[in-house]
C-alpha atoms as a PDB file:
ATOM      1  CA  MET A   1     -93.696  86.311  11.581  1.00  0.00           C
ATOM      2  CA  ASP A   2     -92.702  85.423  15.382  1.00  0.00           C
ATOM      3  CA  ALA A   3     -91.483  82.245  16.696  1.00  0.00           C
ATOM      4  CA  GLN A   4     -94.636  81.234  18.205  1.00  0.00           C
ATOM      5  CA  GLU A   5     -96.460  81.082  14.705  1.00  0.00           C
ATOM      6  CA  ILE A   6     -93.826  79.425  13.376  1.00  0.00           C
ATOM      7  CA  GLU A   7     -93.831  76.766  15.805  1.00  0.00           C
ATOM      8  CA  ARG A   8     -97.828  76.748  15.457  1.00  0.00           C
ATOM      9  CA  MET A   9     -97.610  76.322  11.858  1.00  0.00           C
ATOM     10  CA  ALA A  10     -94.966  73.496  12.457  1.00  0.00           C
ATOM     11  CA  ARG A  11     -97.408  71.679  14.667  1.00  0.00           C
ATOM     12  CA  LYS A  12    -100.278  72.618  11.919  1.00  0.00           C
ATOM     13  CA  ARG A  13     -98.207  70.777   9.466  1.00  0.00           C
ATOM     14  CA  TRP A  14     -97.316  67.671  11.398  1.00  0.00           C
ATOM     15  CA  ARG A  15    -101.023  67.097  12.186  1.00  0.00           C
ATOM     16  CA  LEU A  16    -101.866  67.285   8.604  1.00  0.00           C
ATOM     17  CA  LEU A  17     -99.140  65.174   7.468  1.00  0.00           C
ATOM     18  CA  LEU A  18    -100.547  62.758  10.276  1.00  0.00           C
ATOM     19  CA  TRP A  19    -103.878  62.980   8.882  1.00  0.00           C
ATOM     20  CA  THR A  20    -102.764  62.452   5.146  1.00  0.00           C
ATOM     21  CA  THR A  21    -101.134  59.214   6.250  1.00  0.00           C
ATOM     22  CA  VAL A  22    -104.266  57.960   8.090  1.00  0.00           C
ATOM     23  CA  GLY A  23    -106.456  58.904   5.196  1.00  0.00           C
ATOM     24  CA  ILE A  24    -104.091  56.700   2.657  1.00  0.00           C
ATOM     25  CA  ALA A  25    -103.836  54.106   5.201  1.00  0.00           C
ATOM     26  CA  LEU A  26    -107.488  53.710   5.232  1.00  0.00           C
ATOM     27  CA  TRP A  27    -108.134  54.255   1.502  1.00  0.00           C
ATOM     28  CA  TRP A  28    -105.599  52.262  -0.188  1.00  0.00           C
ATOM     29  CA  PRO A  29    -106.374  48.655   0.977  1.00  0.00           C
ATOM     30  CA  SER A  30    -109.837  48.960  -0.170  1.00  0.00           C
ATOM     31  CA  LEU A  31    -108.700  49.654  -3.597  1.00  0.00           C
ATOM     32  CA  ALA A  32    -106.093  46.712  -3.643  1.00  0.00           C
ATOM     33  CA  PHE A  33    -108.434  44.195  -1.894  1.00  0.00           C
ATOM     34  CA  SER A  34    -112.282  45.146  -3.379  1.00  0.00           C
ATOM     35  CA  SER A  35    -112.197  42.718  -6.287  1.00  0.00           C
ATOM     36  CA  GLU A  36    -110.678  40.058  -4.279  1.00  0.00           C
ATOM     37  CA  TRP A  37    -113.643  39.376  -1.668  1.00  0.00           C
ATOM     38  CA  ASP A  38    -116.565  38.616  -2.968  1.00  0.00           C
ATOM     39  CA  ASN A  39    -118.546  38.756   0.487  1.00  0.00           C
ATOM     40  CA  SER A  40    -121.184  41.369   0.583  1.00  0.00           C
ATOM     41  CA  VAL A  41    -120.141  42.562   4.214  1.00  0.00           C
ATOM     42  CA  ALA A  42    -116.415  42.795   3.443  1.00  0.00           C
ATOM     43  CA  ARG A  43    -117.195  44.781   0.262  1.00  0.00           C
ATOM     44  CA  ILE A  44    -119.333  47.164   2.493  1.00  0.00           C
ATOM     45  CA  VAL A  45    -116.324  47.434   5.178  1.00  0.00           C
ATOM     46  CA  LEU A  46    -113.936  48.124   2.422  1.00  0.00           C
ATOM     47  CA  GLY A  47    -116.562  50.664   0.847  1.00  0.00           C
ATOM     48  CA  PHE A  48    -116.747  52.591   3.979  1.00  0.00           C
ATOM     49  CA  MET A  49    -112.948  52.708   4.265  1.00  0.00           C
ATOM     50  CA  MET A  50    -112.394  53.798   1.038  1.00  0.00           C
ATOM     51  CA  PHE A  51    -115.165  56.279   1.591  1.00  0.00           C
ATOM     52  CA  ALA A  52    -113.685  57.833   4.922  1.00  0.00           C
ATOM     53  CA  GLY A  53    -110.072  57.342   3.796  1.00  0.00           C
ATOM     54  CA  TRP A  54    -110.617  59.476   0.379  1.00  0.00           C
ATOM     55  CA  TRP A  55    -112.508  62.105   2.270  1.00  0.00           C
ATOM     56  CA  ILE A  56    -110.024  62.158   5.505  1.00  0.00           C
ATOM     57  CA  TRP A  57    -107.007  62.645   2.791  1.00  0.00           C
ATOM     58  CA  LEU A  58    -108.965  65.293   0.716  1.00  0.00           C
ATOM     59  CA  ILE A  59    -109.662  67.703   3.720  1.00  0.00           C
ATOM     60  CA  ALA A  60    -105.955  67.129   4.866  1.00  0.00           C
ATOM     61  CA  PHE A  61    -104.498  67.566   1.432  1.00  0.00           C
ATOM     62  CA  ILE A  62    -106.578  70.628   0.926  1.00  0.00           C
ATOM     63  CA  GLN A  63    -105.483  72.177   4.258  1.00  0.00           C
ATOM     64  CA  LEU A  64    -101.999  71.421   3.369  1.00  0.00           C
ATOM     65  CA  MET A  65    -102.016  73.126  -0.014  1.00  0.00           C
ATOM     66  CA  LYS A  66    -103.533  76.244   2.187  1.00  0.00           C
ATOM     67  CA  LEU A  67    -100.487  76.112   4.304  1.00  0.00           C
ATOM     68  CA  TRP A  68     -98.239  75.525   1.277  1.00  0.00           C
ATOM     69  CA  ARG A  69     -99.928  78.801  -0.014  1.00  0.00           C
ATOM     70  CA  LYS A  70     -98.883  80.683   2.982  1.00  0.00           C
ATOM     71  CA  MET A  71     -95.350  79.589   3.035  1.00  0.00           C
ATOM     72  CA  ALA A  72     -95.076  80.652  -0.153  1.00  0.00           C
ATOM     73  CA  LYS A  73     -96.399  84.203   0.411  1.00  0.00           C
ATOM     74  CA  ASP A  74     -94.243  84.498   3.530  1.00  0.00           C
ATOM     75  CA  PRO A  75     -90.686  84.065   3.110  1.00  0.00           C
ATOM     76  CA  LYS A  76     -89.643  83.843   6.816  1.00  0.00           C
ATOM     77  CA  LEU A  77     -92.164  81.206   7.038  1.00  0.00           C
ATOM     78  CA  LYS A  78     -90.874  78.975   4.115  1.00  0.00           C
ATOM     79  CA  GLU A  79     -87.061  79.320   5.453  1.00  0.00           C
ATOM     80  CA  ALA A  80     -88.465  78.236   8.951  1.00  0.00           C
ATOM     81  CA  LEU A  81     -90.459  75.279   7.678  1.00  0.00           C
ATOM     82  CA  ALA A  82     -88.996  74.189   4.530  1.00  0.00           C
ATOM     83  CA  ASN A  83     -85.254  74.501   5.792  1.00  0.00           C
ATOM     84  CA  GLU A  84     -82.635  71.986   4.877  1.00  0.00           C
ATOM     85  CA  LYS A  85     -83.209  69.916   8.373  1.00  0.00           C
ATOM     86  CA  TYR A  86     -86.642  69.265   7.360  1.00  0.00           C
ATOM     87  CA  LYS A  87     -85.636  68.061   3.635  1.00  0.00           C
ATOM     88  CA  ALA A  88     -82.966  66.010   5.087  1.00  0.00           C
ATOM     89  CA  ASN A  89     -85.975  64.168   6.988  1.00  0.00           C
ATOM     90  CA  VAL A  90     -87.980  63.764   3.965  1.00  0.00           C
ATOM     91  CA  ARG A  91     -85.234  62.407   1.939  1.00  0.00           C
ATOM     92  CA  LYS A  92     -84.488  59.885   4.642  1.00  0.00           C
ATOM     93  CA  SER A  93     -88.047  58.903   5.217  1.00  0.00           C
ATOM     94  CA  PHE A  94     -88.222  58.019   1.390  1.00  0.00           C
ATOM     95  CA  VAL A  95     -85.047  56.178   1.848  1.00  0.00           C
ATOM     96  CA  PHE A  96     -86.529  54.284   4.443  1.00  0.00           C
ATOM     97  CA  GLY A  97     -89.652  53.644   2.618  1.00  0.00           C
ATOM     98  CA  PHE A  98     -87.827  52.298  -0.249  1.00  0.00           C
ATOM     99  CA  TRP A  99     -85.671  50.061   1.376  1.00  0.00           C
ATOM    100  CA  PHE A 100     -88.390  48.705   3.817  1.00  0.00           C
ATOM    101  CA  MET A 101     -90.611  48.188   0.464  1.00  0.00           C
ATOM    102  CA  ILE A 102     -87.766  46.201  -1.211  1.00  0.00           C
ATOM    103  CA  GLY A 103     -87.459  44.259   2.106  1.00  0.00           C
ATOM    104  CA  THR A 104     -90.742  43.391   1.953  1.00  0.00           C
ATOM    105  CA  ALA A 105     -90.811  41.790  -1.466  1.00  0.00           C
ATOM    106  CA  LEU A 106     -88.120  39.994  -0.569  1.00  0.00           C
ATOM    107  CA  VAL A 107     -89.612  38.486   2.232  1.00  0.00           C
ATOM    108  CA  VAL A 108     -92.804  37.961   0.364  1.00  0.00           C
ATOM    109  CA  GLY A 109     -90.814  36.412  -2.188  1.00  0.00           C
ATOM    110  CA  CYS A 110     -88.949  33.952  -0.143  1.00  0.00           C
ATOM    111  CA  LEU A 111     -92.112  32.928   1.806  1.00  0.00           C
ATOM    112  CA  ALA A 112     -94.145  32.125  -1.488  1.00  0.00           C
ATOM    113  CA  ARG A 113     -90.563  30.426  -2.887  1.00  0.00           C
ATOM    114  CA  ILE A 114     -90.275  28.229   0.410  1.00  0.00           C
ATOM    115  CA  LEU A 115     -93.992  27.339   0.772  1.00  0.00           C
ATOM    116  CA  HIS A 116     -94.454  26.488  -3.021  1.00  0.00           C
ATOM    117  CA  VAL A 117     -97.652  29.074  -2.980  1.00  0.00           C
ATOM    118  CA  ALA A 118     -98.561  30.875  -6.169  1.00  0.00           C
ATOM    119  CA  VAL A 119     -98.851  34.567  -5.558  1.00  0.00           C
ATOM    120  CA  PRO A 120    -101.149  36.674  -7.788  1.00  0.00           C
ATOM    121  CA  VAL A 121     -99.242  39.822  -9.036  1.00  0.00           C
ATOM    122  CA  ALA A 122    -102.011  42.463  -8.202  1.00  0.00           C
ATOM    123  CA  PRO A 123    -102.358  42.330  -4.965  1.00  0.00           C
ATOM    124  CA  VAL A 124     -98.792  42.001  -4.303  1.00  0.00           C
ATOM    125  CA  CYS A 125     -97.923  45.099  -6.233  1.00  0.00           C
ATOM    126  CA  TYR A 126    -100.585  46.841  -4.523  1.00  0.00           C
ATOM    127  CA  GLY A 127     -99.479  45.623  -1.264  1.00  0.00           C
ATOM    128  CA  LEU A 128     -95.783  46.899  -1.809  1.00  0.00           C
ATOM    129  CA  ALA A 129     -96.980  50.124  -2.992  1.00  0.00           C
ATOM    130  CA  TYR A 130     -98.564  50.347   0.124  1.00  0.00           C
ATOM    131  CA  VAL A 131     -96.070  49.146   2.426  1.00  0.00           C
ATOM    132  CA  GLY A 132     -93.384  51.668   0.635  1.00  0.00           C
ATOM    133  CA  ILE A 133     -95.667  54.749   0.837  1.00  0.00           C
ATOM    134  CA  ILE A 134     -97.195  54.031   4.397  1.00  0.00           C
ATOM    135  CA  SER A 135     -93.683  53.305   5.870  1.00  0.00           C
ATOM    136  CA  ALA A 136     -92.347  56.668   4.199  1.00  0.00           C
ATOM    137  CA  LEU A 137     -95.074  58.693   5.671  1.00  0.00           C
ATOM    138  CA  VAL A 138     -95.012  57.217   9.025  1.00  0.00           C
ATOM    139  CA  SER A 139     -91.259  57.470   9.232  1.00  0.00           C
ATOM    140  CA  ASN A 140     -91.384  61.079   7.938  1.00  0.00           C
ATOM    141  CA  LEU A 141     -93.967  61.755  11.172  1.00  0.00           C
ATOM    142  CA  ILE A 142     -91.707  59.993  13.646  1.00  0.00           C
ATOM    143  CA  ILE A 143     -88.254  61.654  12.340  1.00  0.00           C
ATOM    144  CA  ASN A 144     -90.291  64.909  12.332  1.00  0.00           C
ATOM    145  CA  ARG A 145     -91.794  64.708  15.699  1.00  0.00           C
ATOM    146  CA  ILE A 146     -88.811  63.478  17.383  1.00  0.00           C
ATOM    147  CA  ARG A 147     -86.472  65.957  16.015  1.00  0.00           C
ATOM    148  CA  GLN A 148     -88.641  69.321  16.623  1.00  0.00           C
END
């Protein structure tokens, strides 16, 4: 496997991770807020977001699985794409996502306490999970794009 092929696969992995992030970013809010809105137009928009996000995520995930299978068959490609630097970047993005989610929870909790607002638990939990997942995915994209 030559250097150009490895670079092409690295770009492909980055694009697939980008589309995975887009799919989850569209899909997750529609799951969280579908029960909160009674307006039929909002439900239609949320349904479209859920459908589009789910398909984007599914197609990107299948393509990622194909890439991972290709990496499993070729040890040079696996060594080049799943190296220690990439694994360290993934760990950094998970840590960033975790602390960003904790910070968001603190801000939401403090605002609810200061404003004396009763905050429903389910949307807050969905929202915090969404913030944690999306921030980890976006930081992974940024770190790997800058350092490639």
